Amino acid sequence: MRVVLNKTSLRLLLNFAQGLLFSAALVLLGYGGFVVLDTAVTRELEAEGVARDLVRAVQQARRDAGLDVSDRIALTVTADAASAEAARTHADLIRRETLATSFDVVPGEVAQPVIELRRA
């Protein structure tokens, strides 16, 4: 059995529950398909983003300190309460990505995280 569809045969209808906050992006693909992405940022995603920003900052601090890519480090991060919590939650990721043999998080009243590292 073969079914032929034309432009009037299909209609894309998206219903969102009234009163719910929903962030989404809709992409129509050239061959007629579509993709709907949930773009809401959850607390978990935000915390992971903070941790990945910390990893990037630590990697820059390693370069600035003239460390080799393979050098193990002792790492201390001083951060505001929210960033400190994100760092603790994702401590394994930060240790693994930065080659930190020790990792301490110190909560503090700082505008942005302060990174202290030394060769381990």
PDB file of N, CA and C in Angstrom:
ATOM      1  N   MET A   1       0.845  -1.178   0.000  1.00  0.00           N
ATOM      2  CA  MET A   1       0.000   0.000   0.000  1.00  0.00           C
ATOM      3  C   MET A   1       0.887   1.237   0.000  1.00  0.00           C
ATOM      4  N   ARG A   2       0.543   2.161  -0.817  1.00  0.00           N
ATOM      5  CA  ARG A   2       1.313   3.395  -0.940  1.00  0.00           C
ATOM      6  C   ARG A   2       0.388   4.567  -0.635  1.00  0.00           C
ATOM      7  N   VAL A   3       0.873   5.482   0.256  1.00  0.00           N
ATOM      8  CA  VAL A   3       0.086   6.661   0.611  1.00  0.00           C
ATOM      9  C   VAL A   3       0.846   7.881   0.133  1.00  0.00           C
ATOM     10  N   VAL A   4       0.191   8.731  -0.596  1.00  0.00           N
ATOM     11  CA  VAL A   4       0.802   9.966  -1.091  1.00  0.00           C
ATOM     12  C   VAL A   4       0.246  11.125  -0.282  1.00  0.00           C
ATOM     13  N   LEU A   5       1.129  11.891   0.282  1.00  0.00           N
ATOM     14  CA  LEU A   5       0.718  13.051   1.074  1.00  0.00           C
ATOM     15  C   LEU A   5       1.068  14.325   0.326  1.00  0.00           C
ATOM     16  N   ASN A   6       0.213  15.301   0.441  1.00  0.00           N
ATOM     17  CA  ASN A   6       0.523  16.604  -0.140  1.00  0.00           C
ATOM     18  C   ASN A   6       0.533  17.641   0.978  1.00  0.00           C
ATOM     19  N   LYS A   7       0.710  18.895   0.612  1.00  0.00           N
ATOM     20  CA  LYS A   7       0.844  19.951   1.618  1.00  0.00           C
ATOM     21  C   LYS A   7      -0.369  20.070   2.525  1.00  0.00           C
ATOM     22  N   THR A   8      -1.526  19.718   2.038  1.00  0.00           N
ATOM     23  CA  THR A   8      -2.728  19.853   2.857  1.00  0.00           C
ATOM     24  C   THR A   8      -3.001  18.598   3.692  1.00  0.00           C
ATOM     25  N   SER A   9      -2.200  17.568   3.512  1.00  0.00           N
ATOM     26  CA  SER A   9      -2.440  16.319   4.224  1.00  0.00           C
ATOM     27  C   SER A   9      -1.909  16.328   5.655  1.00  0.00           C
ATOM     28  N   LEU A  10      -0.902  17.141   5.899  1.00  0.00           N
ATOM     29  CA  LEU A  10      -0.284  17.165   7.220  1.00  0.00           C
ATOM     30  C   LEU A  10      -0.362  18.548   7.828  1.00  0.00           C
ATOM     31  N   ARG A  11      -0.480  18.554   9.124  1.00  0.00           N
ATOM     32  CA  ARG A  11      -0.494  19.818   9.834  1.00  0.00           C
ATOM     33  C   ARG A  11       0.287  19.605  11.127  1.00  0.00           C
ATOM     34  N   LEU A  12       1.196  20.503  11.426  1.00  0.00           N
ATOM     35  CA  LEU A  12       1.977  20.429  12.658  1.00  0.00           C
ATOM     36  C   LEU A  12       1.246  21.229  13.709  1.00  0.00           C
ATOM     37  N   LEU A  13       0.905  20.574  14.791  1.00  0.00           N
ATOM     38  CA  LEU A  13       0.168  21.227  15.852  1.00  0.00           C
ATOM     39  C   LEU A  13       0.887  20.958  17.161  1.00  0.00           C
ATOM     40  N   LEU A  14       1.310  22.016  17.811  1.00  0.00           N
ATOM     41  CA  LEU A  14       1.965  21.888  19.108  1.00  0.00           C
ATOM     42  C   LEU A  14       1.049  22.480  20.162  1.00  0.00           C
ATOM     43  N   ASN A  15       0.723  21.697  21.149  1.00  0.00           N
ATOM     44  CA  ASN A  15      -0.101  22.173  22.254  1.00  0.00           C
ATOM     45  C   ASN A  15       0.749  22.235  23.511  1.00  0.00           C
ATOM     46  N   PHE A  16       0.681  23.361  24.180  1.00  0.00           N
ATOM     47  CA  PHE A  16       1.391  23.518  25.443  1.00  0.00           C
ATOM     48  C   PHE A  16       0.361  23.747  26.531  1.00  0.00           C
ATOM     49  N   ALA A  17       0.559  23.070  27.634  1.00  0.00           N
ATOM     50  CA  ALA A  17      -0.390  23.205  28.739  1.00  0.00           C
ATOM     51  C   ALA A  17      -0.399  24.649  29.232  1.00  0.00           C
ATOM     52  N   GLN A  18      -1.575  25.166  29.421  1.00  0.00           N
ATOM     53  CA  GLN A  18      -1.709  26.545  29.851  1.00  0.00           C
ATOM     54  C   GLN A  18      -1.132  26.713  31.249  1.00  0.00           C
ATOM     55  N   GLY A  19      -0.366  27.779  31.443  1.00  0.00           N
ATOM     56  CA  GLY A  19       0.184  28.074  32.757  1.00  0.00           C
ATOM     57  C   GLY A  19       1.533  27.450  33.027  1.00  0.00           C
ATOM     58  N   LEU A  20       1.981  26.531  32.186  1.00  0.00           N
ATOM     59  CA  LEU A  20       3.292  25.920  32.391  1.00  0.00           C
ATOM     60  C   LEU A  20       4.367  26.760  31.717  1.00  0.00           C
ATOM     61  N   LEU A  21       5.502  26.848  32.372  1.00  0.00           N
ATOM     62  CA  LEU A  21       6.631  27.507  31.744  1.00  0.00           C
ATOM     63  C   LEU A  21       7.338  26.474  30.885  1.00  0.00           C
ATOM     64  N   PHE A  22       7.488  26.759  29.624  1.00  0.00           N
ATOM     65  CA  PHE A  22       8.089  25.804  28.712  1.00  0.00           C
ATOM     66  C   PHE A  22       9.008  26.553  27.779  1.00  0.00           C
ATOM     67  N   SER A  23      10.243  26.149  27.737  1.00  0.00           N
ATOM     68  CA  SER A  23      11.199  26.748  26.821  1.00  0.00           C
ATOM     69  C   SER A  23      11.505  25.723  25.748  1.00  0.00           C
ATOM     70  N   ALA A  24      11.322  26.112  24.505  1.00  0.00           N
ATOM     71  CA  ALA A  24      11.556  25.163  23.429  1.00  0.00           C
ATOM     72  C   ALA A  24      12.008  25.898  22.185  1.00  0.00           C
ATOM     73  N   ALA A  25      12.693  25.157  21.367  1.00  0.00           N
ATOM     74  CA  ALA A  25      13.071  25.646  20.038  1.00  0.00           C
ATOM     75  C   ALA A  25      12.548  24.630  19.040  1.00  0.00           C
ATOM     76  N   LEU A  26      11.934  25.126  17.996  1.00  0.00           N
ATOM     77  CA  LEU A  26      11.402  24.271  16.950  1.00  0.00           C
ATOM     78  C   LEU A  26      12.217  24.514  15.694  1.00  0.00           C
ATOM     79  N   VAL A  27      12.715  23.438  15.108  1.00  0.00           N
ATOM     80  CA  VAL A  27      13.488  23.527  13.875  1.00  0.00           C
ATOM     81  C   VAL A  27      12.781  22.699  12.820  1.00  0.00           C
ATOM     82  N   LEU A  28      12.452  23.341  11.711  1.00  0.00           N
ATOM     83  CA  LEU A  28      11.863  22.621  10.586  1.00  0.00           C
ATOM     84  C   LEU A  28      12.996  22.210   9.661  1.00  0.00           C
ATOM     85  N   LEU A  29      13.072  20.940   9.358  1.00  0.00           N
ATOM     86  CA  LEU A  29      14.135  20.407   8.520  1.00  0.00           C
ATOM     87  C   LEU A  29      13.737  20.481   7.052  1.00  0.00           C
ATOM     88  N   GLY A  30      14.719  20.623   6.186  1.00  0.00           N
ATOM     89  CA  GLY A  30      14.485  20.807   4.764  1.00  0.00           C
ATOM     90  C   GLY A  30      13.730  19.680   4.099  1.00  0.00           C
ATOM     91  N   TYR A  31      13.838  18.466   4.613  1.00  0.00           N
ATOM     92  CA  TYR A  31      13.165  17.334   3.978  1.00  0.00           C
ATOM     93  C   TYR A  31      11.785  17.077   4.565  1.00  0.00           C
ATOM     94  N   GLY A  32      11.287  18.018   5.366  1.00  0.00           N
ATOM     95  CA  GLY A  32       9.929  17.904   5.862  1.00  0.00           C
ATOM     96  C   GLY A  32       9.806  17.472   7.305  1.00  0.00           C
ATOM     97  N   GLY A  33      10.896  17.095   7.938  1.00  0.00           N
ATOM     98  CA  GLY A  33      10.835  16.703   9.336  1.00  0.00           C
ATOM     99  C   GLY A  33      10.952  17.914  10.247  1.00  0.00           C
ATOM    100  N   PHE A  34      10.906  17.664  11.525  1.00  0.00           N
ATOM    101  CA  PHE A  34      11.086  18.747  12.485  1.00  0.00           C
ATOM    102  C   PHE A  34      11.711  18.193  13.759  1.00  0.00           C
ATOM    103  N   VAL A  35      12.302  19.097  14.515  1.00  0.00           N
ATOM    104  CA  VAL A  35      12.911  18.758  15.798  1.00  0.00           C
ATOM    105  C   VAL A  35      12.434  19.788  16.815  1.00  0.00           C
ATOM    106  N   VAL A  36      12.012  19.317  17.973  1.00  0.00           N
ATOM    107  CA  VAL A  36      11.643  20.211  19.068  1.00  0.00           C
ATOM    108  C   VAL A  36      12.644  19.979  20.188  1.00  0.00           C
ATOM    109  N   LEU A  37      13.312  21.040  20.599  1.00  0.00           N
ATOM    110  CA  LEU A  37      14.299  20.944  21.672  1.00  0.00           C
ATOM    111  C   LEU A  37      13.783  21.644  22.914  1.00  0.00           C
ATOM    112  N   ASP A  38      13.915  20.990  24.043  1.00  0.00           N
ATOM    113  CA  ASP A  38      13.591  21.618  25.322  1.00  0.00           C
ATOM    114  C   ASP A  38      14.805  22.444  25.711  1.00  0.00           C
ATOM    115  N   THR A  39      14.661  23.755  25.781  1.00  0.00           N
ATOM    116  CA  THR A  39      15.790  24.634  26.066  1.00  0.00           C
ATOM    117  C   THR A  39      15.784  25.150  27.505  1.00  0.00           C
ATOM    118  N   ALA A  40      14.954  24.569  28.333  1.00  0.00           N
ATOM    119  CA  ALA A  40      14.918  24.978  29.736  1.00  0.00           C
ATOM    120  C   ALA A  40      16.221  24.581  30.419  1.00  0.00           C
ATOM    121  N   VAL A  41      16.745  25.482  31.219  1.00  0.00           N
ATOM    122  CA  VAL A  41      17.980  25.208  31.965  1.00  0.00           C
ATOM    123  C   VAL A  41      17.583  24.845  33.389  1.00  0.00           C
ATOM    124  N   THR A  42      17.820  23.600  33.744  1.00  0.00           N
ATOM    125  CA  THR A  42      17.503  23.128  35.090  1.00  0.00           C
ATOM    126  C   THR A  42      18.639  23.494  36.045  1.00  0.00           C
ATOM    127  N   ARG A  43      18.412  23.336  37.324  1.00  0.00           N
ATOM    128  CA  ARG A  43      19.482  23.581  38.313  1.00  0.00           C
ATOM    129  C   ARG A  43      20.674  22.667  38.064  1.00  0.00           C
ATOM    130  N   GLU A  44      20.383  21.430  37.680  1.00  0.00           N
ATOM    131  CA  GLU A  44      21.454  20.469  37.421  1.00  0.00           C
ATOM    132  C   GLU A  44      22.309  20.900  36.232  1.00  0.00           C
ATOM    133  N   LEU A  45      21.643  21.338  35.159  1.00  0.00           N
ATOM    134  CA  LEU A  45      22.386  21.809  33.985  1.00  0.00           C
ATOM    135  C   LEU A  45      23.191  23.060  34.302  1.00  0.00           C
ATOM    136  N   GLU A  46      22.614  23.953  35.087  1.00  0.00           N
ATOM    137  CA  GLU A  46      23.334  25.175  35.464  1.00  0.00           C
ATOM    138  C   GLU A  46      24.569  24.833  36.301  1.00  0.00           C
ATOM    139  N   ALA A  47      24.425  23.907  37.240  1.00  0.00           N
ATOM    140  CA  ALA A  47      25.562  23.498  38.078  1.00  0.00           C
ATOM    141  C   ALA A  47      26.654  22.854  37.224  1.00  0.00           C
ATOM    142  N   GLU A  48      26.271  22.025  36.264  1.00  0.00           N
ATOM    143  CA  GLU A  48      27.264  21.411  35.385  1.00  0.00           C
ATOM    144  C   GLU A  48      27.969  22.476  34.543  1.00  0.00           C
ATOM    145  N   GLY A  49      27.225  23.482  34.097  1.00  0.00           N
ATOM    146  CA  GLY A  49      27.829  24.577  33.344  1.00  0.00           C
ATOM    147  C   GLY A  49      28.842  25.344  34.170  1.00  0.00           C
ATOM    148  N   VAL A  50      28.515  25.591  35.440  1.00  0.00           N
ATOM    149  CA  VAL A  50      29.459  26.268  36.343  1.00  0.00           C
ATOM    150  C   VAL A  50      30.714  25.422  36.507  1.00  0.00           C
ATOM    151  N   ALA A  51      30.542  24.112  36.689  1.00  0.00           N
ATOM    152  CA  ALA A  51      31.696  23.215  36.844  1.00  0.00           C
ATOM    153  C   ALA A  51      32.562  23.220  35.593  1.00  0.00           C
ATOM    154  N   ARG A  52      31.951  23.204  34.434  1.00  0.00           N
ATOM    155  CA  ARG A  52      32.728  23.228  33.183  1.00  0.00           C
ATOM    156  C   ARG A  52      33.437  24.569  32.989  1.00  0.00           C
ATOM    157  N   ASP A  53      32.821  25.657  33.438  1.00  0.00           N
ATOM    158  CA  ASP A  53      33.503  26.954  33.416  1.00  0.00           C
ATOM    159  C   ASP A  53      34.717  26.940  34.347  1.00  0.00           C
ATOM    160  N   LEU A  54      34.573  26.295  35.498  1.00  0.00           N
ATOM    161  CA  LEU A  54      35.706  26.170  36.419  1.00  0.00           C
ATOM    162  C   LEU A  54      36.839  25.371  35.783  1.00  0.00           C
ATOM    163  N   VAL A  55      36.493  24.286  35.105  1.00  0.00           N
ATOM    164  CA  VAL A  55      37.511  23.476  34.417  1.00  0.00           C
ATOM    165  C   VAL A  55      38.251  24.337  33.401  1.00  0.00           C
ATOM    166  N   ARG A  56      37.512  25.116  32.626  1.00  0.00           N
ATOM    167  CA  ARG A  56      38.150  25.986  31.633  1.00  0.00           C
ATOM    168  C   ARG A  56      39.092  26.984  32.305  1.00  0.00           C
ATOM    169  N   ALA A  57      38.646  27.586  33.413  1.00  0.00           N
ATOM    170  CA  ALA A  57      39.473  28.555  34.131  1.00  0.00           C
ATOM    171  C   ALA A  57      40.715  27.898  34.731  1.00  0.00           C
ATOM    172  N   VAL A  58      40.573  26.686  35.252  1.00  0.00           N
ATOM    173  CA  VAL A  58      41.723  25.960  35.798  1.00  0.00           C
ATOM    174  C   VAL A  58      42.719  25.633  34.684  1.00  0.00           C
ATOM    175  N   GLN A  59      42.219  25.203  33.539  1.00  0.00           N
ATOM    176  CA  GLN A  59      43.117  24.883  32.421  1.00  0.00           C
ATOM    177  C   GLN A  59      43.889  26.130  31.984  1.00  0.00           C
ATOM    178  N   GLN A  60      43.243  27.282  31.989  1.00  0.00           N
ATOM    179  CA  GLN A  60      43.929  28.529  31.643  1.00  0.00           C
ATOM    180  C   GLN A  60      44.975  28.864  32.705  1.00  0.00           C
ATOM    181  N   ALA A  61      44.631  28.665  33.970  1.00  0.00           N
ATOM    182  CA  ALA A  61      45.584  28.924  35.059  1.00  0.00           C
ATOM    183  C   ALA A  61      46.791  27.982  34.947  1.00  0.00           C
ATOM    184  N   ARG A  62      46.559  26.747  34.540  1.00  0.00           N
ATOM    185  CA  ARG A  62      47.666  25.794  34.328  1.00  0.00           C
ATOM    186  C   ARG A  62      48.607  26.319  33.237  1.00  0.00           C
ATOM    187  N   ARG A  63      48.019  26.781  32.125  1.00  0.00           N
ATOM    188  CA  ARG A  63      48.850  27.330  31.035  1.00  0.00           C
ATOM    189  C   ARG A  63      49.627  28.553  31.510  1.00  0.00           C
ATOM    190  N   ASP A  64      48.923  29.447  32.223  1.00  0.00           N
ATOM    191  CA  ASP A  64      49.565  30.667  32.717  1.00  0.00           C
ATOM    192  C   ASP A  64      50.709  30.360  33.678  1.00  0.00           C
ATOM    193  N   ALA A  65      50.601  29.251  34.413  1.00  0.00           N
ATOM    194  CA  ALA A  65      51.636  28.849  35.372  1.00  0.00           C
ATOM    195  C   ALA A  65      52.770  28.077  34.703  1.00  0.00           C
ATOM    196  N   GLY A  66      52.628  27.816  33.400  1.00  0.00           N
ATOM    197  CA  GLY A  66      53.680  27.110  32.677  1.00  0.00           C
ATOM    198  C   GLY A  66      53.739  25.620  32.958  1.00  0.00           C
ATOM    199  N   LEU A  67      52.621  25.056  33.409  1.00  0.00           N
ATOM    200  CA  LEU A  67      52.600  23.622  33.693  1.00  0.00           C
ATOM    201  C   LEU A  67      52.458  22.823  32.402  1.00  0.00           C
ATOM    202  N   ASP A  68      53.005  21.626  32.403  1.00  0.00           N
ATOM    203  CA  ASP A  68      52.833  20.721  31.272  1.00  0.00           C
ATOM    204  C   ASP A  68      51.426  20.131  31.317  1.00  0.00           C
ATOM    205  N   VAL A  69      50.951  19.712  30.159  1.00  0.00           N
ATOM    206  CA  VAL A  69      49.607  19.136  30.051  1.00  0.00           C
ATOM    207  C   VAL A  69      49.435  17.938  30.974  1.00  0.00           C
ATOM    208  N   SER A  70      50.502  17.172  31.186  1.00  0.00           N
ATOM    209  CA  SER A  70      50.401  15.949  31.988  1.00  0.00           C
ATOM    210  C   SER A  70      50.686  16.161  33.475  1.00  0.00           C
ATOM    211  N   ASP A  71      51.049  17.371  33.879  1.00  0.00           N
ATOM    212  CA  ASP A  71      51.355  17.630  35.294  1.00  0.00           C
ATOM    213  C   ASP A  71      50.119  17.454  36.168  1.00  0.00           C
ATOM    214  N   ARG A  72      50.287  16.758  37.270  1.00  0.00           N
ATOM    215  CA  ARG A  72      49.238  16.639  38.276  1.00  0.00           C
ATOM    216  C   ARG A  72      49.292  17.889  39.144  1.00  0.00           C
ATOM    217  N   ILE A  73      48.118  18.309  39.640  1.00  0.00           N
ATOM    218  CA  ILE A  73      48.071  19.529  40.429  1.00  0.00           C
ATOM    219  C   ILE A  73      47.320  19.320  41.739  1.00  0.00           C
ATOM    220  N   ALA A  74      47.611  20.197  42.700  1.00  0.00           N
ATOM    221  CA  ALA A  74      46.798  20.356  43.902  1.00  0.00           C
ATOM    222  C   ALA A  74      45.981  21.615  43.646  1.00  0.00           C
ATOM    223  N   LEU A  75      44.663  21.530  43.794  1.00  0.00           N
ATOM    224  CA  LEU A  75      43.762  22.601  43.370  1.00  0.00           C
ATOM    225  C   LEU A  75      42.883  23.060  44.521  1.00  0.00           C
ATOM    226  N   THR A  76      42.793  24.385  44.683  1.00  0.00           N
ATOM    227  CA  THR A  76      41.856  24.990  45.627  1.00  0.00           C
ATOM    228  C   THR A  76      41.071  26.048  44.878  1.00  0.00           C
ATOM    229  N   VAL A  77      39.750  26.017  45.030  1.00  0.00           N
ATOM    230  CA  VAL A  77      38.872  27.002  44.407  1.00  0.00           C
ATOM    231  C   VAL A  77      38.081  27.699  45.503  1.00  0.00           C
ATOM    232  N   THR A  78      38.162  29.016  45.522  1.00  0.00           N
ATOM    233  CA  THR A  78      37.335  29.822  46.420  1.00  0.00           C
ATOM    234  C   THR A  78      36.232  30.429  45.568  1.00  0.00           C
ATOM    235  N   ALA A  79      34.981  30.221  45.991  1.00  0.00           N
ATOM    236  CA  ALA A  79      33.852  30.656  45.166  1.00  0.00           C
ATOM    237  C   ALA A  79      32.664  31.023  46.041  1.00  0.00           C
ATOM    238  N   ASP A  80      31.725  31.769  45.447  1.00  0.00           N
ATOM    239  CA  ASP A  80      30.483  32.081  46.156  1.00  0.00           C
ATOM    240  C   ASP A  80      29.739  30.786  46.453  1.00  0.00           C
ATOM    241  N   ALA A  81      28.720  30.879  47.277  1.00  0.00           N
ATOM    242  CA  ALA A  81      28.021  29.677  47.750  1.00  0.00           C
ATOM    243  C   ALA A  81      27.481  28.807  46.615  1.00  0.00           C
ATOM    244  N   ALA A  82      26.838  29.413  45.616  1.00  0.00           N
ATOM    245  CA  ALA A  82      26.249  28.635  44.520  1.00  0.00           C
ATOM    246  C   ALA A  82      27.329  27.944  43.693  1.00  0.00           C
ATOM    247  N   SER A  83      28.405  28.656  43.371  1.00  0.00           N
ATOM    248  CA  SER A  83      29.496  28.064  42.584  1.00  0.00           C
ATOM    249  C   SER A  83      30.231  27.006  43.388  1.00  0.00           C
ATOM    250  N   ALA A  84      30.392  27.240  44.689  1.00  0.00           N
ATOM    251  CA  ALA A  84      31.053  26.255  45.551  1.00  0.00           C
ATOM    252  C   ALA A  84      30.244  24.960  45.596  1.00  0.00           C
ATOM    253  N   GLU A  85      28.930  25.079  45.682  1.00  0.00           N
ATOM    254  CA  GLU A  85      28.064  23.892  45.694  1.00  0.00           C
ATOM    255  C   GLU A  85      28.157  23.144  44.371  1.00  0.00           C
ATOM    256  N   ALA A  86      28.163  23.881  43.266  1.00  0.00           N
ATOM    257  CA  ALA A  86      28.300  23.248  41.949  1.00  0.00           C
ATOM    258  C   ALA A  86      29.646  22.536  41.839  1.00  0.00           C
ATOM    259  N   ALA A  87      30.701  23.154  42.350  1.00  0.00           N
ATOM    260  CA  ALA A  87      32.033  22.537  42.308  1.00  0.00           C
ATOM    261  C   ALA A  87      32.065  21.251  43.138  1.00  0.00           C
ATOM    262  N   ARG A  88      31.427  21.276  44.305  1.00  0.00           N
ATOM    263  CA  ARG A  88      31.384  20.060  45.135  1.00  0.00           C
ATOM    264  C   ARG A  88      30.582  18.960  44.440  1.00  0.00           C
ATOM    265  N   THR A  89      29.465  19.325  43.845  1.00  0.00           N
ATOM    266  CA  THR A  89      28.614  18.347  43.163  1.00  0.00           C
ATOM    267  C   THR A  89      29.361  17.677  42.012  1.00  0.00           C
ATOM    268  N   HIS A  90      30.168  18.450  41.304  1.00  0.00           N
ATOM    269  CA  HIS A  90      30.868  17.941  40.125  1.00  0.00           C
ATOM    270  C   HIS A  90      32.373  17.819  40.366  1.00  0.00           C
ATOM    271  N   ALA A  91      32.734  17.521  41.609  1.00  0.00           N
ATOM    272  CA  ALA A  91      34.151  17.428  41.984  1.00  0.00           C
ATOM    273  C   ALA A  91      34.891  16.366  41.173  1.00  0.00           C
ATOM    274  N   ASP A  92      34.261  15.229  40.921  1.00  0.00           N
ATOM    275  CA  ASP A  92      34.927  14.170  40.142  1.00  0.00           C
ATOM    276  C   ASP A  92      35.247  14.645  38.729  1.00  0.00           C
ATOM    277  N   LEU A  93      34.316  15.331  38.100  1.00  0.00           N
ATOM    278  CA  LEU A  93      34.540  15.880  36.764  1.00  0.00           C
ATOM    279  C   LEU A  93      35.714  16.870  36.789  1.00  0.00           C
ATOM    280  N   ILE A  94      35.723  17.761  37.753  1.00  0.00           N
ATOM    281  CA  ILE A  94      36.776  18.773  37.846  1.00  0.00           C
ATOM    282  C   ILE A  94      38.124  18.113  38.090  1.00  0.00           C
ATOM    283  N   ARG A  95      38.180  17.156  39.025  1.00  0.00           N
ATOM    284  CA  ARG A  95      39.444  16.433  39.288  1.00  0.00           C
ATOM    285  C   ARG A  95      39.955  15.734  38.038  1.00  0.00           C
ATOM    286  N   ARG A  96      39.067  15.020  37.380  1.00  0.00           N
ATOM    287  CA  ARG A  96      39.441  14.234  36.195  1.00  0.00           C
ATOM    288  C   ARG A  96      39.932  15.129  35.052  1.00  0.00           C
ATOM    289  N   GLU A  97      39.212  16.194  34.767  1.00  0.00           N
ATOM    290  CA  GLU A  97      39.538  17.055  33.636  1.00  0.00           C
ATOM    291  C   GLU A  97      40.780  17.919  33.876  1.00  0.00           C
ATOM    292  N   THR A  98      41.090  18.186  35.141  1.00  0.00           N
ATOM    293  CA  THR A  98      42.227  19.066  35.440  1.00  0.00           C
ATOM    294  C   THR A  98      43.439  18.323  35.979  1.00  0.00           C
ATOM    295  N   LEU A  99      43.330  16.997  36.135  1.00  0.00           N
ATOM    296  CA  LEU A  99      44.402  16.168  36.702  1.00  0.00           C
ATOM    297  C   LEU A  99      44.754  16.594  38.120  1.00  0.00           C
ATOM    298  N   ALA A 100      43.734  16.954  38.893  1.00  0.00           N
ATOM    299  CA  ALA A 100      43.944  17.366  40.277  1.00  0.00           C
ATOM    300  C   ALA A 100      44.014  16.139  41.181  1.00  0.00           C
ATOM    301  N   THR A 101      45.112  16.012  41.921  1.00  0.00           N
ATOM    302  CA  THR A 101      45.235  14.914  42.884  1.00  0.00           C
ATOM    303  C   THR A 101      44.553  15.273  44.199  1.00  0.00           C
ATOM    304  N   SER A 102      44.408  16.570  44.450  1.00  0.00           N
ATOM    305  CA  SER A 102      43.616  17.040  45.586  1.00  0.00           C
ATOM    306  C   SER A 102      42.800  18.232  45.111  1.00  0.00           C
ATOM    307  N   PHE A 103      41.606  18.354  45.669  1.00  0.00           N
ATOM    308  CA  PHE A 103      40.700  19.421  45.240  1.00  0.00           C
ATOM    309  C   PHE A 103      39.921  19.898  46.455  1.00  0.00           C
ATOM    310  N   ASP A 104      40.137  21.155  46.816  1.00  0.00           N
ATOM    311  CA  ASP A 104      39.427  21.762  47.945  1.00  0.00           C
ATOM    312  C   ASP A 104      38.562  22.907  47.442  1.00  0.00           C
ATOM    313  N   VAL A 105      37.370  23.006  47.998  1.00  0.00           N
ATOM    314  CA  VAL A 105      36.453  24.085  47.664  1.00  0.00           C
ATOM    315  C   VAL A 105      36.235  24.901  48.926  1.00  0.00           C
ATOM    316  N   VAL A 106      36.465  26.206  48.810  1.00  0.00           N
ATOM    317  CA  VAL A 106      36.320  27.110  49.942  1.00  0.00           C
ATOM    318  C   VAL A 106      35.246  28.134  49.600  1.00  0.00           C
ATOM    319  N   PRO A 107      34.139  28.158  50.363  1.00  0.00           N
ATOM    320  CA  PRO A 107      33.137  29.183  50.106  1.00  0.00           C
ATOM    321  C   PRO A 107      33.668  30.547  50.550  1.00  0.00           C
ATOM    322  N   GLY A 108      33.387  31.558  49.759  1.00  0.00           N
ATOM    323  CA  GLY A 108      33.858  32.893  50.111  1.00  0.00           C
ATOM    324  C   GLY A 108      33.054  33.962  49.402  1.00  0.00           C
ATOM    325  N   GLU A 109      33.228  35.178  49.851  1.00  0.00           N
ATOM    326  CA  GLU A 109      32.548  36.322  49.248  1.00  0.00           C
ATOM    327  C   GLU A 109      33.423  36.868  48.125  1.00  0.00           C
ATOM    328  N   VAL A 110      33.363  36.222  46.975  1.00  0.00           N
ATOM    329  CA  VAL A 110      34.156  36.631  45.818  1.00  0.00           C
ATOM    330  C   VAL A 110      33.228  36.846  44.630  1.00  0.00           C
ATOM    331  N   ALA A 111      33.603  37.796  43.765  1.00  0.00           N
ATOM    332  CA  ALA A 111      32.788  38.098  42.593  1.00  0.00           C
ATOM    333  C   ALA A 111      32.873  36.985  41.562  1.00  0.00           C
ATOM    334  N   GLN A 112      34.047  36.378  41.463  1.00  0.00           N
ATOM    335  CA  GLN A 112      34.238  35.244  40.562  1.00  0.00           C
ATOM    336  C   GLN A 112      35.194  34.267  41.240  1.00  0.00           C
ATOM    337  N   PRO A 113      35.146  33.003  40.850  1.00  0.00           N
ATOM    338  CA  PRO A 113      35.991  32.006  41.524  1.00  0.00           C
ATOM    339  C   PRO A 113      37.477  32.372  41.471  1.00  0.00           C
ATOM    340  N   VAL A 114      38.155  32.100  42.585  1.00  0.00           N
ATOM    341  CA  VAL A 114      39.589  32.316  42.697  1.00  0.00           C
ATOM    342  C   VAL A 114      40.256  30.942  42.666  1.00  0.00           C
ATOM    343  N   ILE A 115      41.184  30.743  41.745  1.00  0.00           N
ATOM    344  CA  ILE A 115      41.811  29.446  41.534  1.00  0.00           C
ATOM    345  C   ILE A 115      43.252  29.491  42.019  1.00  0.00           C
ATOM    346  N   GLU A 116      43.573  28.562  42.896  1.00  0.00           N
ATOM    347  CA  GLU A 116      44.947  28.406  43.359  1.00  0.00           C
ATOM    348  C   GLU A 116      45.380  26.992  43.010  1.00  0.00           C
ATOM    349  N   LEU A 117      46.535  26.881  42.360  1.00  0.00           N
ATOM    350  CA  LEU A 117      47.019  25.547  42.021  1.00  0.00           C
ATOM    351  C   LEU A 117      48.533  25.511  42.144  1.00  0.00           C
ATOM    352  N   ARG A 118      49.013  24.317  42.359  1.00  0.00           N
ATOM    353  CA  ARG A 118      50.454  24.075  42.396  1.00  0.00           C
ATOM    354  C   ARG A 118      50.697  22.663  41.881  1.00  0.00           C
ATOM    355  N   ARG A 119      51.884  22.440  41.389  1.00  0.00           N
ATOM    356  CA  ARG A 119      52.259  21.111  40.900  1.00  0.00           C
ATOM    357  C   ARG A 119      52.218  20.159  42.088  1.00  0.00           C
ATOM    358  N   ALA A 120      51.592  19.024  41.921  1.00  0.00           N
ATOM    359  CA  ALA A 120      51.473  18.042  43.016  1.00  0.00           C
ATOM    360  C   ALA A 120      52.695  17.154  43.071  1.00  0.00           C
TER     361      ALA A 120
END
